[in-house]
Amino acid sequence: MANTHVTKLRNFVVTVDDEHLPKIAQVADQLRAKGMTVESMMVTLGLISGTACGGTADFCHVPGVMTVEEQPQFDLPPSDAEVQ
């Protein structure tokens, strides 16, 4: 029987430390190299958001990363689905 396990992408927000703010693009490149799809960089705030299959441990050791937070995801049924 085929493996039906599907790895779900998770949403992450990474906070870049003050020392690396001028190099936020390089931090984003290193996150990409670790498997993150970078979706946006908020340079002024020092935030990088993206998606990945891994967990926070995959990204917390990248130089310049201060914190990594997984963002909650909610799956809603289609609008025409019956109420349960």
PDB file of N, CA and C in Angstrom:
ATOM      1  N   MET A   1       0.837  -1.178   0.000  1.00  0.00           N
ATOM      2  CA  MET A   1       0.000   0.000   0.000  1.00  0.00           C
ATOM      3  C   MET A   1       0.883   1.242   0.000  1.00  0.00           C
ATOM      4  N   ALA A   2       0.509   2.222  -0.777  1.00  0.00           N
ATOM      5  CA  ALA A   2       1.308   3.440  -0.910  1.00  0.00           C
ATOM      6  C   ALA A   2       1.225   4.272   0.363  1.00  0.00           C
ATOM      7  N   ASN A   3       2.305   4.995   0.631  1.00  0.00           N
ATOM      8  CA  ASN A   3       2.336   5.891   1.781  1.00  0.00           C
ATOM      9  C   ASN A   3       1.498   7.120   1.467  1.00  0.00           C
ATOM     10  N   THR A   4       0.446   7.333   2.244  1.00  0.00           N
ATOM     11  CA  THR A   4      -0.454   8.457   1.983  1.00  0.00           C
ATOM     12  C   THR A   4      -0.150   9.639   2.890  1.00  0.00           C
ATOM     13  N   HIS A   5       0.943   9.553   3.653  1.00  0.00           N
ATOM     14  CA  HIS A   5       1.313  10.651   4.546  1.00  0.00           C
ATOM     15  C   HIS A   5       1.764  11.857   3.722  1.00  0.00           C
ATOM     16  N   VAL A   6       1.118  12.974   3.951  1.00  0.00           N
ATOM     17  CA  VAL A   6       1.464  14.205   3.243  1.00  0.00           C
ATOM     18  C   VAL A   6       2.039  15.184   4.260  1.00  0.00           C
ATOM     19  N   THR A   7       3.222  15.687   3.991  1.00  0.00           N
ATOM     20  CA  THR A   7       3.837  16.658   4.883  1.00  0.00           C
ATOM     21  C   THR A   7       3.207  18.012   4.630  1.00  0.00           C
ATOM     22  N   LYS A   8       2.709  18.607   5.689  1.00  0.00           N
ATOM     23  CA  LYS A   8       2.016  19.883   5.583  1.00  0.00           C
ATOM     24  C   LYS A   8       3.002  21.034   5.792  1.00  0.00           C
ATOM     25  N   LEU A   9       2.889  22.026   4.953  1.00  0.00           N
ATOM     26  CA  LEU A   9       3.708  23.220   5.128  1.00  0.00           C
ATOM     27  C   LEU A   9       3.253  23.973   6.377  1.00  0.00           C
ATOM     28  N   ARG A  10       4.201  24.521   7.071  1.00  0.00           N
ATOM     29  CA  ARG A  10       3.921  25.314   8.272  1.00  0.00           C
ATOM     30  C   ARG A  10       4.342  26.759   7.999  1.00  0.00           C
ATOM     31  N   ASN A  11       3.657  27.681   8.635  1.00  0.00           N
ATOM     32  CA  ASN A  11       3.987  29.106   8.516  1.00  0.00           C
ATOM     33  C   ASN A  11       4.895  29.513   9.670  1.00  0.00           C
ATOM     34  N   PHE A  12       5.947  30.274   9.335  1.00  0.00           N
ATOM     35  CA  PHE A  12       6.893  30.738  10.351  1.00  0.00           C
ATOM     36  C   PHE A  12       7.122  32.239  10.226  1.00  0.00           C
ATOM     37  N   VAL A  13       7.398  32.865  11.376  1.00  0.00           N
ATOM     38  CA  VAL A  13       7.885  34.241  11.409  1.00  0.00           C
ATOM     39  C   VAL A  13       9.198  34.224  12.165  1.00  0.00           C
ATOM     40  N   VAL A  14      10.229  34.761  11.526  1.00  0.00           N
ATOM     41  CA  VAL A  14      11.577  34.799  12.095  1.00  0.00           C
ATOM     42  C   VAL A  14      11.900  36.244  12.454  1.00  0.00           C
ATOM     43  N   THR A  15      12.399  36.442  13.674  1.00  0.00           N
ATOM     44  CA  THR A  15      12.865  37.764  14.107  1.00  0.00           C
ATOM     45  C   THR A  15      14.382  37.797  13.964  1.00  0.00           C
ATOM     46  N   VAL A  16      14.873  38.818  13.281  1.00  0.00           N
ATOM     47  CA  VAL A  16      16.307  38.990  13.051  1.00  0.00           C
ATOM     48  C   VAL A  16      16.867  39.912  14.135  1.00  0.00           C
ATOM     49  N   ASP A  17      18.029  39.562  14.686  1.00  0.00           N
ATOM     50  CA  ASP A  17      18.620  40.404  15.727  1.00  0.00           C
ATOM     51  C   ASP A  17      19.132  41.724  15.147  1.00  0.00           C
ATOM     52  N   ASP A  18      19.298  42.709  16.025  1.00  0.00           N
ATOM     53  CA  ASP A  18      19.670  44.066  15.605  1.00  0.00           C
ATOM     54  C   ASP A  18      20.977  44.097  14.819  1.00  0.00           C
ATOM     55  N   GLU A  19      21.925  43.284  15.219  1.00  0.00           N
ATOM     56  CA  GLU A  19      23.235  43.263  14.555  1.00  0.00           C
ATOM     57  C   GLU A  19      23.123  42.849  13.089  1.00  0.00           C
ATOM     58  N   HIS A  20      22.164  41.985  12.778  1.00  0.00           N
ATOM     59  CA  HIS A  20      22.028  41.462  11.418  1.00  0.00           C
ATOM     60  C   HIS A  20      20.967  42.178  10.580  1.00  0.00           C
ATOM     61  N   LEU A  21      20.308  43.198  11.135  1.00  0.00           N
ATOM     62  CA  LEU A  21      19.289  43.922  10.365  1.00  0.00           C
ATOM     63  C   LEU A  21      19.814  44.445   9.032  1.00  0.00           C
ATOM     64  N   PRO A  22      21.031  45.017   8.991  1.00  0.00           N
ATOM     65  CA  PRO A  22      21.538  45.485   7.691  1.00  0.00           C
ATOM     66  C   PRO A  22      21.781  44.337   6.698  1.00  0.00           C
ATOM     67  N   LYS A  23      21.855  43.099   7.216  1.00  0.00           N
ATOM     68  CA  LYS A  23      22.116  41.923   6.380  1.00  0.00           C
ATOM     69  C   LYS A  23      20.901  41.001   6.327  1.00  0.00           C
ATOM     70  N   ILE A  24      19.696  41.546   6.459  1.00  0.00           N
ATOM     71  CA  ILE A  24      18.491  40.717   6.531  1.00  0.00           C
ATOM     72  C   ILE A  24      18.311  39.864   5.275  1.00  0.00           C
ATOM     73  N   ALA A  25      18.735  40.372   4.126  1.00  0.00           N
ATOM     74  CA  ALA A  25      18.627  39.595   2.884  1.00  0.00           C
ATOM     75  C   ALA A  25      19.521  38.359   2.947  1.00  0.00           C
ATOM     76  N   GLN A  26      20.693  38.494   3.573  1.00  0.00           N
ATOM     77  CA  GLN A  26      21.596  37.343   3.714  1.00  0.00           C
ATOM     78  C   GLN A  26      21.013  36.318   4.686  1.00  0.00           C
ATOM     79  N   VAL A  27      20.373  36.806   5.743  1.00  0.00           N
ATOM     80  CA  VAL A  27      19.712  35.895   6.684  1.00  0.00           C
ATOM     81  C   VAL A  27      18.602  35.137   5.952  1.00  0.00           C
ATOM     82  N   ALA A  28      17.829  35.847   5.134  1.00  0.00           N
ATOM     83  CA  ALA A  28      16.763  35.205   4.351  1.00  0.00           C
ATOM     84  C   ALA A  28      17.346  34.146   3.411  1.00  0.00           C
ATOM     85  N   ASP A  29      18.485  34.440   2.794  1.00  0.00           N
ATOM     86  CA  ASP A  29      19.126  33.461   1.914  1.00  0.00           C
ATOM     87  C   ASP A  29      19.530  32.200   2.681  1.00  0.00           C
ATOM     88  N   GLN A  30      20.023  32.381   3.900  1.00  0.00           N
ATOM     89  CA  GLN A  30      20.407  31.227   4.718  1.00  0.00           C
ATOM     90  C   GLN A  30      19.186  30.420   5.143  1.00  0.00           C
ATOM     91  N   LEU A  31      18.065  31.106   5.403  1.00  0.00           N
ATOM     92  CA  LEU A  31      16.828  30.398   5.727  1.00  0.00           C
ATOM     93  C   LEU A  31      16.345  29.590   4.521  1.00  0.00           C
ATOM     94  N   ARG A  32      16.460  30.181   3.335  1.00  0.00           N
ATOM     95  CA  ARG A  32      16.107  29.452   2.105  1.00  0.00           C
ATOM     96  C   ARG A  32      16.968  28.195   1.960  1.00  0.00           C
ATOM     97  N   ALA A  33      18.253  28.330   2.249  1.00  0.00           N
ATOM     98  CA  ALA A  33      19.164  27.192   2.144  1.00  0.00           C
ATOM     99  C   ALA A  33      18.790  26.078   3.121  1.00  0.00           C
ATOM    100  N   LYS A  34      18.120  26.430   4.214  1.00  0.00           N
ATOM    101  CA  LYS A  34      17.663  25.445   5.202  1.00  0.00           C
ATOM    102  C   LYS A  34      16.282  24.895   4.873  1.00  0.00           C
ATOM    103  N   GLY A  35      15.676  25.378   3.765  1.00  0.00           N
ATOM    104  CA  GLY A  35      14.400  24.814   3.343  1.00  0.00           C
ATOM    105  C   GLY A  35      13.188  25.713   3.461  1.00  0.00           C
ATOM    106  N   MET A  36      13.366  26.946   3.902  1.00  0.00           N
ATOM    107  CA  MET A  36      12.220  27.854   4.021  1.00  0.00           C
ATOM    108  C   MET A  36      11.941  28.531   2.687  1.00  0.00           C
ATOM    109  N   THR A  37      10.678  28.625   2.342  1.00  0.00           N
ATOM    110  CA  THR A  37      10.260  29.460   1.222  1.00  0.00           C
ATOM    111  C   THR A  37       9.929  30.825   1.822  1.00  0.00           C
ATOM    112  N   VAL A  38      10.799  31.801   1.604  1.00  0.00           N
ATOM    113  CA  VAL A  38      10.606  33.135   2.166  1.00  0.00           C
ATOM    114  C   VAL A  38       9.521  33.841   1.366  1.00  0.00           C
ATOM    115  N   GLU A  39       8.486  34.273   2.064  1.00  0.00           N
ATOM    116  CA  GLU A  39       7.359  34.929   1.410  1.00  0.00           C
ATOM    117  C   GLU A  39       7.404  36.441   1.540  1.00  0.00           C
ATOM    118  N   SER A  40       7.961  36.926   2.652  1.00  0.00           N
ATOM    119  CA  SER A  40       8.083  38.381   2.788  1.00  0.00           C
ATOM    120  C   SER A  40       9.158  38.729   3.808  1.00  0.00           C
ATOM    121  N   MET A  41       9.728  39.919   3.615  1.00  0.00           N
ATOM    122  CA  MET A  41      10.695  40.471   4.557  1.00  0.00           C
ATOM    123  C   MET A  41      10.204  41.849   4.957  1.00  0.00           C
ATOM    124  N   MET A  42      10.038  42.048   6.247  1.00  0.00           N
ATOM    125  CA  MET A  42       9.657  43.350   6.783  1.00  0.00           C
ATOM    126  C   MET A  42      10.921  43.941   7.403  1.00  0.00           C
ATOM    127  N   VAL A  43      11.688  44.610   6.538  1.00  0.00           N
ATOM    128  CA  VAL A  43      13.035  45.045   6.889  1.00  0.00           C
ATOM    129  C   VAL A  43      13.037  45.957   8.107  1.00  0.00           C
ATOM    130  N   THR A  44      12.149  46.927   8.146  1.00  0.00           N
ATOM    131  CA  THR A  44      12.110  47.889   9.253  1.00  0.00           C
ATOM    132  C   THR A  44      11.842  47.201  10.583  1.00  0.00           C
ATOM    133  N   LEU A  45      11.017  46.161  10.556  1.00  0.00           N
ATOM    134  CA  LEU A  45      10.672  45.441  11.783  1.00  0.00           C
ATOM    135  C   LEU A  45      11.628  44.293  12.081  1.00  0.00           C
ATOM    136  N   GLY A  46      12.455  43.930  11.101  1.00  0.00           N
ATOM    137  CA  GLY A  46      13.378  42.816  11.282  1.00  0.00           C
ATOM    138  C   GLY A  46      12.685  41.469  11.281  1.00  0.00           C
ATOM    139  N   LEU A  47      11.634  41.332  10.465  1.00  0.00           N
ATOM    140  CA  LEU A  47      10.871  40.084  10.415  1.00  0.00           C
ATOM    141  C   LEU A  47      10.946  39.460   9.031  1.00  0.00           C
ATOM    142  N   ILE A  48      11.022  38.149   9.012  1.00  0.00           N
ATOM    143  CA  ILE A  48      10.975  37.373   7.776  1.00  0.00           C
ATOM    144  C   ILE A  48       9.880  36.340   7.964  1.00  0.00           C
ATOM    145  N   SER A  49       8.957  36.264   7.018  1.00  0.00           N
ATOM    146  CA  SER A  49       7.920  35.238   7.105  1.00  0.00           C
ATOM    147  C   SER A  49       8.060  34.285   5.937  1.00  0.00           C
ATOM    148  N   GLY A  50       7.672  33.037   6.193  1.00  0.00           N
ATOM    149  CA  GLY A  50       7.761  32.044   5.149  1.00  0.00           C
ATOM    150  C   GLY A  50       7.133  30.730   5.560  1.00  0.00           C
ATOM    151  N   THR A  51       7.271  29.750   4.689  1.00  0.00           N
ATOM    152  CA  THR A  51       6.719  28.424   4.934  1.00  0.00           C
ATOM    153  C   THR A  51       7.815  27.377   4.795  1.00  0.00           C
ATOM    154  N   ALA A  52       7.607  26.258   5.490  1.00  0.00           N
ATOM    155  CA  ALA A  52       8.550  25.145   5.415  1.00  0.00           C
ATOM    156  C   ALA A  52       7.881  23.895   5.954  1.00  0.00           C
ATOM    157  N   CYS A  53       8.451  22.756   5.627  1.00  0.00           N
ATOM    158  CA  CYS A  53       7.948  21.476   6.129  1.00  0.00           C
ATOM    159  C   CYS A  53       8.553  21.132   7.485  1.00  0.00           C
ATOM    160  N   GLY A  54       9.681  21.713   7.797  1.00  0.00           N
ATOM    161  CA  GLY A  54      10.378  21.383   9.040  1.00  0.00           C
ATOM    162  C   GLY A  54       9.808  22.113  10.240  1.00  0.00           C
ATOM    163  N   GLY A  55      10.578  22.077  11.308  1.00  0.00           N
ATOM    164  CA  GLY A  55      10.181  22.752  12.538  1.00  0.00           C
ATOM    165  C   GLY A  55      11.084  23.928  12.845  1.00  0.00           C
ATOM    166  N   THR A  56      10.834  24.561  13.978  1.00  0.00           N
ATOM    167  CA  THR A  56      11.598  25.750  14.349  1.00  0.00           C
ATOM    168  C   THR A  56      13.080  25.447  14.531  1.00  0.00           C
ATOM    169  N   ALA A  57      13.421  24.233  14.942  1.00  0.00           N
ATOM    170  CA  ALA A  57      14.821  23.878  15.166  1.00  0.00           C
ATOM    171  C   ALA A  57      15.644  23.965  13.884  1.00  0.00           C
ATOM    172  N   ASP A  58      14.985  23.829  12.735  1.00  0.00           N
ATOM    173  CA  ASP A  58      15.706  23.913  11.462  1.00  0.00           C
ATOM    174  C   ASP A  58      16.258  25.308  11.202  1.00  0.00           C
ATOM    175  N   PHE A  59      15.691  26.312  11.840  1.00  0.00           N
ATOM    176  CA  PHE A  59      16.035  27.697  11.525  1.00  0.00           C
ATOM    177  C   PHE A  59      16.657  28.480  12.680  1.00  0.00           C
ATOM    178  N   CYS A  60      16.538  28.002  13.900  1.00  0.00           N
ATOM    179  CA  CYS A  60      16.976  28.807  15.045  1.00  0.00           C
ATOM    180  C   CYS A  60      18.485  28.947  15.156  1.00  0.00           C
ATOM    181  N   HIS A  61      19.248  28.115  14.448  1.00  0.00           N
ATOM    182  CA  HIS A  61      20.711  28.213  14.519  1.00  0.00           C
ATOM    183  C   HIS A  61      21.323  28.997  13.360  1.00  0.00           C
ATOM    184  N   VAL A  62      20.484  29.600  12.532  1.00  0.00           N
ATOM    185  CA  VAL A  62      20.986  30.450  11.452  1.00  0.00           C
ATOM    186  C   VAL A  62      21.513  31.736  12.078  1.00  0.00           C
ATOM    187  N   PRO A  63      22.737  32.154  11.730  1.00  0.00           N
ATOM    188  CA  PRO A  63      23.281  33.388  12.289  1.00  0.00           C
ATOM    189  C   PRO A  63      22.355  34.579  12.005  1.00  0.00           C
ATOM    190  N   GLY A  64      22.066  35.337  13.056  1.00  0.00           N
ATOM    191  CA  GLY A  64      21.202  36.507  12.925  1.00  0.00           C
ATOM    192  C   GLY A  64      19.767  36.250  13.334  1.00  0.00           C
ATOM    193  N   VAL A  65      19.399  34.989  13.506  1.00  0.00           N
ATOM    194  CA  VAL A  65      18.031  34.661  13.912  1.00  0.00           C
ATOM    195  C   VAL A  65      17.925  34.767  15.429  1.00  0.00           C
ATOM    196  N   MET A  66      17.017  35.622  15.887  1.00  0.00           N
ATOM    197  CA  MET A  66      16.789  35.788  17.316  1.00  0.00           C
ATOM    198  C   MET A  66      15.688  34.845  17.796  1.00  0.00           C
ATOM    199  N   THR A  67      14.564  34.803  17.066  1.00  0.00           N
ATOM    200  CA  THR A  67      13.470  33.897  17.414  1.00  0.00           C
ATOM    201  C   THR A  67      12.842  33.327  16.149  1.00  0.00           C
ATOM    202  N   VAL A  68      12.234  32.160  16.298  1.00  0.00           N
ATOM    203  CA  VAL A  68      11.456  31.531  15.234  1.00  0.00           C
ATOM    204  C   VAL A  68      10.132  31.119  15.853  1.00  0.00           C
ATOM    205  N   GLU A  69       9.050  31.618  15.286  1.00  0.00           N
ATOM    206  CA  GLU A  69       7.729  31.279  15.803  1.00  0.00           C
ATOM    207  C   GLU A  69       6.892  30.638  14.715  1.00  0.00           C
ATOM    208  N   GLU A  70       6.303  29.485  15.058  1.00  0.00           N
ATOM    209  CA  GLU A  70       5.372  28.860  14.133  1.00  0.00           C
ATOM    210  C   GLU A  70       4.016  29.527  14.305  1.00  0.00           C
ATOM    211  N   GLN A  71       3.422  29.918  13.203  1.00  0.00           N
ATOM    212  CA  GLN A  71       2.131  30.586  13.226  1.00  0.00           C
ATOM    213  C   GLN A  71       1.020  29.550  13.106  1.00  0.00           C
ATOM    214  N   PRO A  72      -0.045  29.721  13.894  1.00  0.00           N
ATOM    215  CA  PRO A  72      -1.142  28.753  13.820  1.00  0.00           C
ATOM    216  C   PRO A  72      -1.844  28.798  12.470  1.00  0.00           C
ATOM    217  N   GLN A  73      -2.332  27.649  12.059  1.00  0.00           N
ATOM    218  CA  GLN A  73      -3.087  27.554  10.815  1.00  0.00           C
ATOM    219  C   GLN A  73      -4.460  26.986  11.136  1.00  0.00           C
ATOM    220  N   PHE A  74      -5.439  27.454  10.418  1.00  0.00           N
ATOM    221  CA  PHE A  74      -6.799  26.981  10.604  1.00  0.00           C
ATOM    222  C   PHE A  74      -7.335  26.512   9.270  1.00  0.00           C
ATOM    223  N   ASP A  75      -7.899  25.316   9.263  1.00  0.00           N
ATOM    224  CA  ASP A  75      -8.512  24.777   8.063  1.00  0.00           C
ATOM    225  C   ASP A  75     -10.017  24.868   8.209  1.00  0.00           C
ATOM    226  N   LEU A  76     -10.640  25.589   7.318  1.00  0.00           N
ATOM    227  CA  LEU A  76     -12.087  25.740   7.341  1.00  0.00           C
ATOM    228  C   LEU A  76     -12.703  24.874   6.258  1.00  0.00           C
ATOM    229  N   PRO A  77     -13.887  24.328   6.528  1.00  0.00           N
ATOM    230  CA  PRO A  77     -14.564  23.559   5.489  1.00  0.00           C
ATOM    231  C   PRO A  77     -15.040  24.493   4.380  1.00  0.00           C
ATOM    232  N   PRO A  78     -15.329  23.941   3.211  1.00  0.00           N
ATOM    233  CA  PRO A  78     -15.860  24.775   2.135  1.00  0.00           C
ATOM    234  C   PRO A  78     -17.140  25.486   2.570  1.00  0.00           C
ATOM    235  N   SER A  79     -17.413  26.624   1.978  1.00  0.00           N
ATOM    236  CA  SER A  79     -18.583  27.412   2.401  1.00  0.00           C
ATOM    237  C   SER A  79     -19.907  26.692   2.152  1.00  0.00           C
ATOM    238  N   ASP A  80     -19.920  25.704   1.262  1.00  0.00           N
ATOM    239  CA  ASP A  80     -21.164  24.983   0.993  1.00  0.00           C
ATOM    240  C   ASP A  80     -21.270  23.667   1.782  1.00  0.00           C
ATOM    241  N   ALA A  81     -20.343  23.444   2.724  1.00  0.00           N
ATOM    242  CA  ALA A  81     -20.364  22.225   3.516  1.00  0.00           C
ATOM    243  C   ALA A  81     -21.481  22.291   4.557  1.00  0.00           C
ATOM    244  N   GLU A  82     -21.991  21.131   4.928  1.00  0.00           N
ATOM    245  CA  GLU A  82     -23.042  21.075   5.946  1.00  0.00           C
ATOM    246  C   GLU A  82     -22.478  21.482   7.290  1.00  0.00           C
ATOM    247  N   VAL A  83     -23.319  22.095   8.118  1.00  0.00           N
ATOM    248  CA  VAL A  83     -22.929  22.473   9.461  1.00  0.00           C
ATOM    249  C   VAL A  83     -22.889  21.203  10.294  1.00  0.00           C
ATOM    250  N   GLN A  84     -21.873  21.038  11.103  1.00  0.00           N
ATOM    251  CA  GLN A  84     -21.743  19.816  11.914  1.00  0.00           C
ATOM    252  C   GLN A  84     -22.314  19.998  13.285  1.00  0.00           C
TER     253      GLN A  84
END
